[in-house]
Amino acid sequence: MGLFDKMFGTGASESEQQQGAQQRFNELKQRYQSVLNIADQQQIQFQNLHVQDNKLYIKGIAPSEEARNKFWDQIKLVNPNSDDVTAEISVDSSRAMGAAAGSGGQVQGGQSYEIKSGDTLSKISKQFYGNANEYMRIFYANRDQLNDPDKIQAGKKLVIPPDDKA
């Protein structure tokens, strides 16, 4: 499975139902691959990545203003008009230090969760969001310790991003 292969976040399920949405997502994802790579390098945590109004919709949280600026600079390099992408990137500087703090309970605006035997990201997603298909949000929030959304280990602590529907 490649990075960002699947649409996720609030609105993704509806988007997937639209005719041609997956093909459009793949086209836009390919066009903006360098942007997605920068976001990954800058540890921008995506909350949403899907097609909305025939545009690539990205919502995320950057650990710093610098990370957000690098993300936007790359979007401008790919498409100066930015007419086929909508991005909402906020900055939460506590995310830059959050991993080092290693605190339990509320973490970085979300919660922490210790993986139990028999858990899957879908099962955890259903528990926290009421929708098993939101599992990619948890995966992308924990890229520092997960390489594959289908391979998780009991005992690891995950950051569960807050439910953005609230």
Protein backbone atom coordinates (compact mmCIF):
# COMPACT_ATOMS: atom_id res chain seq x y z
CA MET A 1 0.00 0.00 0.00
CA GLY A 2 1.39 3.40 -0.96
CA LEU A 3 1.24 6.56 1.06
CA PHE A 4 -2.13 8.35 0.86
CA ASP A 5 -3.76 5.69 -1.33
CA LYS A 6 -7.19 6.02 0.22
CA MET A 7 -9.57 8.92 0.75
CA PHE A 8 -10.32 9.54 4.42
CA GLY A 9 -11.77 12.05 6.86
CA THR A 10 -15.16 13.66 7.20
CA GLY A 11 -16.76 13.74 3.76
CA ALA A 12 -14.63 10.97 2.27
CA SER A 13 -17.37 8.34 2.43
CA GLU A 14 -19.75 10.64 0.56
CA SER A 15 -17.02 11.51 -1.92
CA GLU A 16 -16.28 7.86 -2.65
CA GLN A 17 -19.93 7.37 -3.66
CA GLN A 18 -19.70 9.99 -6.42
CA GLN A 19 -19.12 8.67 -9.90
CA GLY A 20 -15.52 9.19 -11.01
CA ALA A 21 -14.38 10.44 -7.58
CA GLN A 22 -11.74 7.74 -7.09
CA GLN A 23 -10.30 8.39 -10.56
CA ARG A 24 -10.26 12.15 -9.88
CA PHE A 25 -8.64 11.51 -6.49
CA ASN A 26 -5.91 9.44 -8.15
CA GLU A 27 -5.31 12.15 -10.79
CA LEU A 28 -5.05 14.91 -8.18
CA LYS A 29 -3.00 12.77 -5.84
CA GLN A 30 -0.51 12.14 -8.64
CA ARG A 31 -0.37 15.84 -9.52
CA TYR A 32 0.14 16.85 -5.88
CA GLN A 33 2.40 13.95 -4.87
CA SER A 34 5.29 16.33 -4.11
CA VAL A 35 2.95 18.30 -1.80
CA LEU A 36 1.94 15.11 -0.01
CA ASN A 37 5.61 14.15 0.33
CA ILE A 38 6.46 17.57 1.84
CA ALA A 39 3.53 17.20 4.25
CA ASP A 40 4.86 13.81 5.31
CA GLN A 41 8.42 15.13 5.72
CA GLN A 42 7.16 18.12 7.73
CA GLN A 43 5.04 15.81 9.93
CA ILE A 44 1.78 17.50 9.01
CA GLN A 45 -1.00 15.37 10.43
CA PHE A 46 -3.79 14.97 7.89
CA GLN A 47 -7.35 14.85 9.15
CA ASN A 48 -8.98 14.79 5.72
CA LEU A 49 -7.79 13.84 2.26
CA HIS A 50 -10.44 13.36 -0.41
CA VAL A 51 -12.15 14.90 -3.44
CA GLN A 52 -14.66 17.63 -2.70
CA ASP A 53 -16.22 19.83 -5.38
CA ASN A 54 -13.90 18.16 -7.93
CA LYS A 55 -10.85 19.44 -5.99
CA LEU A 56 -8.35 17.70 -3.76
CA TYR A 57 -9.43 18.57 -0.23
CA ILE A 58 -6.71 18.49 2.41
CA LYS A 59 -7.21 19.36 6.06
CA GLY A 60 -4.39 18.99 8.53
CA ILE A 61 -2.37 20.29 11.41
CA ALA A 62 1.24 21.38 11.03
CA PRO A 63 3.70 21.30 13.94
CA SER A 64 5.02 24.77 13.05
CA GLU A 65 4.45 27.84 10.90
CA GLU A 66 7.57 26.86 8.95
CA ALA A 67 6.12 23.43 8.14
CA ARG A 68 2.85 25.01 6.98
CA ASN A 69 4.75 27.52 4.80
CA LYS A 70 6.80 24.77 3.15
CA PHE A 71 3.55 22.92 2.41
CA TRP A 72 1.99 26.02 0.80
CA ASP A 73 5.18 26.84 -1.13
CA GLN A 74 5.03 23.37 -2.67
CA ILE A 75 1.36 23.80 -3.63
CA LYS A 76 2.26 27.06 -5.39
CA LEU A 77 5.07 25.32 -7.27
CA VAL A 78 2.70 22.60 -8.49
CA ASN A 79 -0.17 24.96 -9.34
CA PRO A 80 0.23 28.72 -8.80
CA ASN A 81 -3.54 29.19 -9.19
CA SER A 82 -4.35 26.46 -6.64
CA ASP A 83 -7.65 26.05 -8.49
CA ASP A 84 -7.92 22.29 -8.07
CA VAL A 85 -6.94 22.01 -4.41
CA THR A 86 -8.47 23.21 -1.15
CA ALA A 87 -6.19 23.05 1.87
CA GLU A 88 -6.90 23.99 5.46
CA ILE A 89 -3.68 23.66 7.44
CA SER A 90 -3.64 24.94 10.98
CA VAL A 91 -0.60 25.16 13.26
CA ASP A 92 -0.36 23.52 16.65
CA SER A 93 3.16 23.96 18.00
CA SER A 94 2.42 21.53 20.84
CA ARG A 95 2.52 18.77 18.20
CA ALA A 96 6.22 19.38 17.68
CA MET A 97 6.86 18.61 21.34
CA GLY A 98 3.94 16.23 21.93
CA ALA A 99 5.77 13.06 20.93
CA ALA A 100 8.70 13.89 23.22
CA ALA A 101 6.40 14.59 26.15
CA GLY A 102 4.92 11.07 26.04
CA SER A 103 1.98 12.04 28.22
CA GLY A 104 -1.02 9.78 28.64
CA GLY A 105 -4.71 10.62 28.37
CA GLN A 106 -5.26 13.73 26.28
CA VAL A 107 -2.46 14.03 23.73
CA GLN A 108 -2.01 16.77 21.15
CA GLY A 109 -5.67 17.70 21.08
CA GLY A 110 -6.66 14.05 20.84
CA GLN A 111 -6.40 11.01 23.05
CA SER A 112 -3.93 8.23 23.49
CA TYR A 113 -4.91 4.58 23.10
CA GLU A 114 -2.95 1.45 23.87
CA ILE A 115 -3.41 -1.26 21.24
CA LYS A 116 -4.86 -4.47 22.63
CA SER A 117 -4.54 -7.95 21.18
CA GLY A 118 -7.11 -8.40 18.41
CA ASP A 119 -7.39 -4.68 17.66
CA THR A 120 -7.38 -3.30 14.14
CA LEU A 121 -7.25 0.35 13.14
CA SER A 122 -10.78 -0.07 11.79
CA LYS A 123 -12.00 -1.36 15.14
CA ILE A 124 -10.29 1.48 17.01
CA SER A 125 -11.70 3.98 14.49
CA LYS A 126 -15.22 2.62 15.01
CA GLN A 127 -14.77 3.01 18.78
CA PHE A 128 -13.59 6.64 18.62
CA TYR A 129 -15.38 7.99 15.53
CA GLY A 130 -18.33 5.65 15.07
CA ASN A 131 -17.02 4.83 11.58
CA ALA A 132 -14.52 2.06 10.82
CA ASN A 133 -13.58 3.74 7.53
CA GLU A 134 -11.88 6.62 9.36
CA TYR A 135 -8.94 4.34 10.27
CA MET A 136 -6.55 6.16 7.95
CA ARG A 137 -6.78 9.26 10.17
CA ILE A 138 -5.34 7.20 13.01
CA PHE A 139 -2.71 5.69 10.72
CA TYR A 140 -1.48 9.08 9.43
CA ALA A 141 -1.43 10.52 12.95
CA ASN A 142 0.91 7.69 13.98
CA ARG A 143 3.22 7.42 10.97
CA ASP A 144 6.18 7.76 13.33
CA GLN A 145 5.47 4.26 14.64
CA LEU A 146 3.26 2.59 12.01
CA ASN A 147 4.40 1.63 8.51
CA ASP A 148 1.31 -0.25 7.39
CA PRO A 149 -2.30 0.27 8.54
CA ASP A 150 -2.85 -3.50 8.47
CA LYS A 151 0.08 -4.27 10.79
CA ILE A 152 -0.27 -2.96 14.34
CA GLN A 153 1.18 -4.41 17.53
CA ALA A 154 -0.44 -4.83 20.92
CA GLY A 155 1.08 -2.59 23.56
CA LYS A 156 1.90 0.35 21.30
CA LYS A 157 0.34 3.68 22.27
CA LEU A 158 -1.41 5.53 19.47
CA VAL A 159 -2.49 9.14 19.20
CA ILE A 160 -6.17 9.31 18.31
CA PRO A 161 -6.87 12.64 16.54
CA PRO A 162 -9.94 14.48 17.80
CA ASP A 163 -13.22 13.87 15.97
CA ASP A 164 -13.46 16.85 13.62
CA LYS A 165 -17.25 16.53 13.37
CA ALA A 166 -17.68 18.17 16.76
